Amino acid sequence: MSEKKYRIAILGASGNVGRLLLDLLIKREFPYESIKLLASKRTAGEKIEAKDGNTYTIEETSHESFSNVDIVLASAGSSVSKEYADTIVKAGAVIIDNSSAFRMDPNVPLVVPEVNADALKEHKGIIANPNCSTAPLVCVLKPLAEKYGVERVVVSTYQSISGAGKDAMEELKESSRKVLNGENYEPKHINKKLAFNLIPHIDVFMDNGYTKEEVKVIDESRKILGIPDLKITCTAVRVPVLISHSESVNIQLKSPSFVKEFKEIISSNPNIRVLDDPSQDVYPMPIMATGKDPTFVGRIRVDESQENTFNLWLVSDNLRKGAALNTIQIAESMVKQGII
């Protein structure tokens, strides 16, 4: 990587993704000169001991926070990103944003580096990170689209509660204890009771009956893959799992393939691990993906009801490839391409 070192700010540093961004910057040896942690007034002053041996103090975010910064890694939500994006760009920095604020803006690259790193060259100071379910999905679809063409995709997501934040994670833990003890509880950070339950509802419902989360997966996949007319549909479900999202994906190809070749094509992405041996009960599960960088794929089989169609199951740590890891990989790709 470049010998140049960069001044980094993490916006939303007190959250799950913000803390992981700090860890990954250090673990992956990103060439940083300095790291500034920014969050709301509520957590300003908190100290974080990082794996580089330094102790960082969270600062309250203001429009003056971004002077002398080269890269802002943002994971503080859409409203915060919208409030500060112009200030960041005017200060001469690049913002890599985890929220949905700019994803579908035609002037903002929406990037998964293994899929469309070239799009980074078109940035104007703002780069969007995709939805936590979209990122691993397009990593699987990209090599298939290049080899065979993709006719249609049907995806059902089984999304962990970490996607709703730290408070929601704590609520799931506490509500699970209460259910096991025969006690009642009322949800505060989740729209329905999730303990020992499934909720087919993430984000708000749209007029067409889809949730905004489902529409994100559809629209973002089309944009990242560069296939605006891709036939894709989605159902998003919240499940009582702490970390790691799972997806059941049905993929109809435009030309025929065989299971063995299909697996080999998917495995061409170095960040995908195929775990698929039904005879030994080997398949991906959230518990094995948590804390790991790769996207795990298994249960690969022919859909015998439809020509040139396959089913698969994928699992990915949503805080990593779905958020913090992809953000760092975007920054790494920019450094590698010499565009920052």
Protein backbone atom coordinates (compact mmCIF):
# COMPACT_ATOMS: atom_id res chain seq x y z
CA MET A 1 0.00 0.00 0.00
CA SER A 2 1.04 3.63 -0.47
CA GLU A 3 3.70 5.13 1.79
CA LYS A 4 1.49 8.17 2.24
CA LYS A 5 -0.38 8.27 5.53
CA TYR A 6 -3.90 9.60 5.97
CA ARG A 7 -5.72 11.55 8.64
CA ILE A 8 -8.89 9.60 9.47
CA ALA A 9 -12.11 10.61 11.22
CA ILE A 10 -14.67 8.01 12.29
CA LEU A 11 -18.12 9.61 12.43
CA GLY A 12 -20.41 7.59 14.70
CA ALA A 13 -17.48 6.13 16.60
CA SER A 14 -19.48 5.00 19.63
CA GLY A 15 -21.70 2.54 17.72
CA ASN A 16 -21.13 -1.10 16.81
CA VAL A 17 -19.82 -0.27 13.33
CA GLY A 18 -17.80 2.73 14.49
CA ARG A 19 -15.87 0.69 17.02
CA LEU A 20 -15.27 -2.05 14.46
CA LEU A 21 -14.00 0.54 11.97
CA LEU A 22 -11.33 1.52 14.50
CA ASP A 23 -10.32 -2.10 15.07
CA LEU A 24 -10.14 -2.88 11.35
CA LEU A 25 -8.09 0.22 10.51
CA ILE A 26 -5.46 -1.06 12.91
CA LYS A 27 -5.77 -4.78 12.16
CA ARG A 28 -5.53 -4.30 8.38
CA GLU A 29 -2.61 -1.86 8.80
CA PHE A 30 -4.28 0.95 6.89
CA PRO A 31 -1.73 3.76 6.45
CA TYR A 32 -3.16 6.27 8.90
CA GLU A 33 -1.31 9.22 10.37
CA SER A 34 -4.01 10.02 12.91
CA ILE A 35 -7.49 8.89 13.93
CA LYS A 36 -10.19 11.18 15.27
CA LEU A 37 -13.32 9.69 16.88
CA LEU A 38 -16.56 11.67 16.50
CA ALA A 39 -20.03 11.04 17.89
CA SER A 40 -22.93 12.83 19.53
CA LYS A 41 -22.81 14.90 22.71
CA ARG A 42 -24.19 11.87 24.60
CA THR A 43 -20.99 9.84 24.21
CA ALA A 44 -18.45 12.65 23.87
CA GLY A 45 -15.66 12.22 26.38
CA GLU A 46 -15.74 8.42 26.38
CA LYS A 47 -12.33 6.83 26.00
CA ILE A 48 -11.60 3.81 23.80
CA GLU A 49 -8.44 1.75 24.19
CA ALA A 50 -7.47 0.65 20.69
CA LYS A 51 -5.40 -2.27 19.49
CA ASP A 52 -2.59 0.02 18.38
CA GLY A 53 -1.87 0.77 22.03
CA ASN A 54 -3.39 4.24 21.95
CA THR A 55 -6.35 5.56 23.93
CA TYR A 56 -8.74 7.67 21.86
CA THR A 57 -11.28 10.11 23.28
CA ILE A 58 -14.59 10.55 21.49
CA GLU A 59 -15.25 14.15 20.50
CA GLU A 60 -18.62 15.80 19.95
CA THR A 61 -19.21 16.28 16.23
CA SER A 62 -19.39 19.81 14.84
CA HIS A 63 -18.85 21.42 11.46
CA GLU A 64 -15.35 22.32 12.65
CA SER A 65 -14.44 18.67 13.26
CA PHE A 66 -13.31 17.96 9.70
CA SER A 67 -10.44 20.35 9.19
CA ASN A 68 -7.12 18.55 8.75
CA VAL A 69 -8.90 15.29 7.84
CA ASP A 70 -8.39 13.28 4.63
CA ILE A 71 -10.97 10.49 4.97
CA VAL A 72 -14.20 10.36 6.98
CA LEU A 73 -15.60 6.90 7.67
CA ALA A 74 -19.23 7.62 8.52
CA SER A 75 -21.63 5.33 10.34
CA ALA A 76 -23.89 7.67 12.25
CA GLY A 77 -27.11 7.43 10.22
CA SER A 78 -28.59 9.24 7.22
CA SER A 79 -29.54 12.47 8.96
CA VAL A 80 -26.04 12.97 10.37
CA SER A 81 -24.38 12.17 7.04
CA LYS A 82 -26.64 14.61 5.21
CA GLU A 83 -25.91 17.30 7.78
CA TYR A 84 -22.14 17.08 7.48
CA ALA A 85 -21.40 15.77 3.97
CA ASP A 86 -21.07 19.18 2.29
CA THR A 87 -18.85 20.43 5.10
CA ILE A 88 -16.62 17.38 4.76
CA VAL A 89 -16.25 17.75 1.00
CA LYS A 90 -15.60 21.50 1.25
CA ALA A 91 -12.87 20.75 3.81
CA GLY A 92 -11.14 18.66 1.14
CA ALA A 93 -11.88 15.27 2.65
CA VAL A 94 -13.63 12.22 1.22
CA ILE A 95 -16.60 10.73 3.10
CA ILE A 96 -17.28 6.99 2.81
CA ASP A 97 -20.81 6.73 4.13
CA ASN A 98 -22.51 3.68 5.61
CA SER A 99 -26.01 5.15 5.65
CA SER A 100 -28.62 5.08 2.90
CA ALA A 101 -28.40 8.87 2.45
CA PHE A 102 -26.53 8.91 -0.87
CA ARG A 103 -26.71 5.33 -2.18
CA MET A 104 -29.12 5.99 -5.03
CA ASP A 105 -27.76 9.44 -5.92
CA PRO A 106 -26.61 9.06 -9.55
CA ASN A 107 -23.60 11.29 -8.81
CA VAL A 108 -22.39 9.13 -5.89
CA PRO A 109 -20.58 5.83 -6.46
CA LEU A 110 -22.13 2.90 -4.57
CA VAL A 111 -19.26 0.47 -4.20
CA VAL A 112 -18.31 -3.06 -3.27
CA PRO A 113 -14.63 -3.16 -4.26
CA GLU A 114 -14.60 -6.75 -5.56
CA VAL A 115 -17.52 -5.87 -7.82
CA ASN A 116 -17.18 -2.29 -9.08
CA ALA A 117 -14.00 -0.66 -7.78
CA ASP A 118 -13.67 1.32 -11.02
CA ALA A 119 -16.69 3.38 -9.98
CA LEU A 120 -14.53 5.01 -7.30
CA LYS A 121 -12.76 7.05 -9.98
CA GLU A 122 -16.00 8.98 -10.53
CA HIS A 123 -16.37 10.17 -6.93
CA LYS A 124 -16.89 13.83 -6.12
CA GLY A 125 -16.04 13.57 -2.45
CA ILE A 126 -18.85 11.24 -1.39
CA ILE A 127 -18.83 7.45 -1.69
CA ALA A 128 -21.70 5.25 -0.51
CA ASN A 129 -21.43 1.88 1.20
CA PRO A 130 -24.33 -0.48 0.38
CA ASN A 131 -26.93 -2.08 2.58
CA CYS A 132 -25.68 -4.88 4.84
CA SER A 133 -27.60 -7.51 2.84
CA THR A 134 -26.73 -6.11 -0.57
CA ALA A 135 -22.94 -6.27 -0.20
CA PRO A 136 -22.54 -10.05 0.19
CA LEU A 137 -25.30 -10.72 -2.35
CA VAL A 138 -23.61 -8.79 -5.18
CA CYS A 139 -20.29 -10.50 -4.40
CA VAL A 140 -22.01 -13.78 -5.31
CA LEU A 141 -23.93 -12.41 -8.28
CA LYS A 142 -21.05 -10.55 -9.99
CA PRO A 143 -19.03 -13.55 -11.28
CA LEU A 144 -22.23 -15.35 -12.27
CA ALA A 145 -23.43 -12.33 -14.23
CA GLU A 146 -20.08 -12.12 -16.04
CA LYS A 147 -19.95 -15.84 -16.87
CA TYR A 148 -23.58 -16.70 -17.63
CA GLY A 149 -25.72 -13.59 -17.38
CA VAL A 150 -28.38 -13.39 -14.67
CA GLU A 151 -32.02 -13.54 -15.69
CA ARG A 152 -33.76 -13.26 -12.30
CA VAL A 153 -32.97 -13.25 -8.58
CA VAL A 154 -35.29 -14.03 -5.66
CA VAL A 155 -33.73 -13.31 -2.26
CA SER A 156 -35.08 -13.72 1.26
CA THR A 157 -32.95 -12.18 4.01
CA TYR A 158 -32.76 -13.37 7.61
CA GLN A 159 -31.25 -10.35 9.31
CA SER A 160 -29.72 -10.23 12.77
CA ILE A 161 -30.69 -7.65 15.35
CA SER A 162 -27.26 -5.98 15.28
CA GLY A 163 -28.50 -4.24 12.15
CA ALA A 164 -30.82 -2.27 14.43
CA GLY A 165 -28.05 -1.14 16.79
CA LYS A 166 -26.60 -1.80 20.24
CA ASP A 167 -29.78 -0.98 22.17
CA ALA A 168 -31.78 -3.47 20.09
CA MET A 169 -29.15 -6.14 20.73
CA GLU A 170 -29.41 -5.60 24.47
CA GLU A 171 -33.21 -5.73 24.24
CA LEU A 172 -33.06 -9.11 22.50
CA LYS A 173 -30.78 -10.49 25.22
CA GLU A 174 -32.95 -9.20 28.05
CA SER A 175 -36.28 -10.14 26.44
CA SER A 176 -35.01 -13.67 25.78
CA ARG A 177 -34.21 -14.05 29.47
CA LYS A 178 -37.67 -12.81 30.38
CA VAL A 179 -39.40 -15.23 28.01
CA LEU A 180 -37.40 -18.14 29.43
CA ASN A 181 -38.43 -17.04 32.93
CA GLY A 182 -42.09 -16.84 31.93
CA GLU A 183 -42.17 -13.03 32.18
CA ASN A 184 -43.82 -10.62 29.78
CA TYR A 185 -42.04 -7.70 28.11
CA GLU A 186 -42.86 -4.81 25.80
CA PRO A 187 -40.46 -4.00 22.94
CA LYS A 188 -38.77 -0.59 23.02
CA HIS A 189 -36.15 -0.64 20.27
CA ILE A 190 -37.79 -3.22 17.98
CA ASN A 191 -41.25 -2.80 16.46
CA LYS A 192 -42.45 -6.25 17.59
CA LYS A 193 -41.45 -8.88 20.11
CA LEU A 194 -38.42 -10.64 18.59
CA ALA A 195 -37.36 -13.14 21.25
CA PHE A 196 -38.14 -16.64 19.87
CA ASN A 197 -39.95 -14.98 16.98
CA LEU A 198 -39.47 -13.75 13.38
CA ILE A 199 -40.58 -10.37 12.08
CA PRO A 200 -41.16 -10.00 8.30
CA HIS A 201 -40.76 -6.24 8.57
CA ILE A 202 -37.53 -4.17 8.48
CA ASP A 203 -37.74 -0.40 7.99
CA VAL A 204 -41.02 1.19 6.85
CA PHE A 205 -43.60 -0.19 4.42
CA MET A 206 -43.89 1.45 1.01
CA ASP A 207 -47.08 1.97 -1.02
CA ASN A 208 -46.32 -1.14 -3.10
CA GLY A 209 -46.27 -3.42 -0.03
CA TYR A 210 -42.49 -3.79 0.05
CA THR A 211 -40.47 -2.48 2.98
CA LYS A 212 -37.81 0.13 2.37
CA GLU A 213 -35.19 -2.48 3.33
CA GLU A 214 -36.39 -4.75 0.53
CA VAL A 215 -36.34 -1.91 -1.97
CA LYS A 216 -32.77 -1.06 -0.92
CA VAL A 217 -31.59 -4.57 -1.79
CA ILE A 218 -33.34 -4.43 -5.15
CA ASP A 219 -32.23 -0.95 -6.24
CA GLU A 220 -28.70 -1.16 -4.84
CA SER A 221 -28.00 -4.53 -6.47
CA ARG A 222 -28.99 -3.12 -9.86
CA LYS A 223 -26.77 -0.08 -9.40
CA ILE A 224 -23.67 -1.92 -8.15
CA LEU A 225 -23.88 -4.65 -10.79
CA GLY A 226 -24.59 -2.13 -13.54
CA ILE A 227 -27.73 -4.04 -14.58
CA PRO A 228 -30.55 -1.48 -14.24
CA ASP A 229 -33.19 -3.87 -15.61
CA LEU A 230 -32.19 -6.86 -13.46
CA LYS A 231 -35.24 -8.85 -12.40
CA ILE A 232 -34.83 -9.11 -8.64
CA THR A 233 -37.24 -9.31 -5.73
CA CYS A 234 -36.68 -9.46 -1.97
CA THR A 235 -38.35 -10.33 1.33
CA ALA A 236 -36.50 -9.08 4.43
CA VAL A 237 -37.03 -10.77 7.79
CA ARG A 238 -35.66 -9.87 11.24
CA VAL A 239 -34.53 -12.94 13.20
CA PRO A 240 -33.48 -13.44 16.85
CA VAL A 241 -29.76 -13.68 16.04
CA LEU A 242 -27.30 -11.18 17.50
CA ILE A 243 -24.81 -10.84 14.63
CA SER A 244 -24.59 -12.03 10.99
CA HIS A 245 -27.21 -11.91 8.28
CA SER A 246 -28.28 -14.94 6.24
CA GLU A 247 -29.89 -15.02 2.80
CA SER A 248 -31.72 -17.64 0.78
CA VAL A 249 -31.05 -16.83 -2.88
CA ASN A 250 -32.66 -18.27 -6.01
CA ILE A 251 -30.71 -17.35 -9.17
CA GLN A 252 -31.88 -17.96 -12.72
CA LEU A 253 -29.01 -17.79 -15.22
CA LYS A 254 -29.24 -16.86 -18.89
CA SER A 255 -27.17 -19.87 -19.95
CA PRO A 256 -26.76 -23.33 -18.40
CA SER A 257 -24.29 -24.39 -15.72
CA PHE A 258 -23.57 -27.38 -13.50
CA VAL A 259 -23.29 -27.37 -9.71
CA LYS A 260 -19.52 -28.03 -9.76
CA GLU A 261 -18.85 -25.22 -12.24
CA PHE A 262 -21.31 -22.94 -10.42
CA LYS A 263 -19.34 -23.41 -7.17
CA GLU A 264 -16.04 -22.74 -8.92
CA ILE A 265 -17.32 -19.49 -10.42
CA ILE A 266 -18.57 -18.23 -7.05
CA SER A 267 -15.26 -19.17 -5.43
CA SER A 268 -13.40 -16.92 -7.87
CA ASN A 269 -14.04 -14.11 -5.38
CA PRO A 270 -11.22 -14.52 -2.82
CA ASN A 271 -13.49 -13.22 -0.06
CA ILE A 272 -16.09 -15.96 -0.55
CA ARG A 273 -15.78 -19.35 1.17
CA VAL A 274 -17.91 -22.22 -0.10
CA LEU A 275 -18.96 -24.53 2.76
CA ASP A 276 -21.15 -27.11 1.09
CA ASP A 277 -21.07 -30.81 2.00
CA PRO A 278 -24.61 -32.04 2.75
CA SER A 279 -23.34 -35.56 3.48
CA GLN A 280 -21.46 -34.19 6.49
CA ASP A 281 -24.04 -31.53 7.44
CA VAL A 282 -21.63 -28.80 6.36
CA TYR A 283 -23.27 -25.46 5.54
CA PRO A 284 -22.89 -21.84 6.68
CA MET A 285 -24.57 -20.57 9.83
CA PRO A 286 -24.55 -17.14 11.50
CA ILE A 287 -22.66 -18.45 14.52
CA MET A 288 -19.67 -19.42 12.35
CA ALA A 289 -19.63 -16.21 10.31
CA THR A 290 -19.67 -13.82 13.25
CA GLY A 291 -16.34 -12.07 13.67
CA LYS A 292 -15.03 -13.28 10.31
CA ASP A 293 -14.45 -11.31 7.11
CA PRO A 294 -15.50 -13.75 4.32
CA THR A 295 -19.00 -14.35 3.01
CA PHE A 296 -19.84 -18.04 3.43
CA VAL A 297 -21.94 -19.85 0.81
CA GLY A 298 -23.52 -23.31 0.91
CA ARG A 299 -26.65 -25.39 0.17
CA ILE A 300 -25.85 -24.91 -3.54
CA ARG A 301 -28.25 -26.99 -5.61
CA VAL A 302 -30.20 -27.02 -8.83
CA ASP A 303 -33.72 -25.61 -8.69
CA GLU A 304 -35.48 -28.49 -10.40
CA SER A 305 -38.62 -26.42 -10.98
CA GLN A 306 -36.96 -23.88 -13.28
CA GLU A 307 -34.44 -24.13 -16.14
CA ASN A 308 -30.89 -22.80 -15.53
CA THR A 309 -31.74 -21.96 -11.92
CA PHE A 310 -29.88 -22.57 -8.66
CA ASN A 311 -30.58 -22.16 -4.96
CA LEU A 312 -27.96 -21.16 -2.42
CA TRP A 313 -27.64 -20.01 1.17
CA LEU A 314 -25.18 -17.30 2.19
CA VAL A 315 -24.13 -15.94 5.57
CA SER A 316 -22.06 -12.84 6.31
CA ASP A 317 -21.17 -10.80 9.39
CA ASN A 318 -23.29 -7.73 8.72
CA LEU A 319 -21.07 -5.50 10.84
CA ARG A 320 -18.09 -6.45 8.67
CA LYS A 321 -18.73 -7.00 4.94
CA GLY A 322 -22.12 -5.36 5.34
CA ALA A 323 -20.61 -2.26 6.92
CA ALA A 324 -17.17 -1.65 8.47
CA LEU A 325 -15.07 -4.06 6.41
CA ASN A 326 -16.46 -2.88 3.08
CA THR A 327 -15.88 0.72 4.16
CA ILE A 328 -12.21 0.02 4.90
CA GLN A 329 -11.88 -1.93 1.64
CA ILE A 330 -13.20 1.09 -0.26
CA ALA A 331 -10.54 3.28 1.35
CA GLU A 332 -7.88 0.65 0.60
CA SER A 333 -8.98 0.47 -3.03
CA MET A 334 -8.77 4.25 -3.38
CA VAL A 335 -5.23 4.21 -2.01
CA LYS A 336 -4.29 1.34 -4.33
CA GLN A 337 -5.74 3.17 -7.35
CA GLY A 338 -4.01 6.40 -6.37
CA ILE A 339 -7.22 8.40 -6.33
CA ILE A 340 -6.93 9.83 -2.82
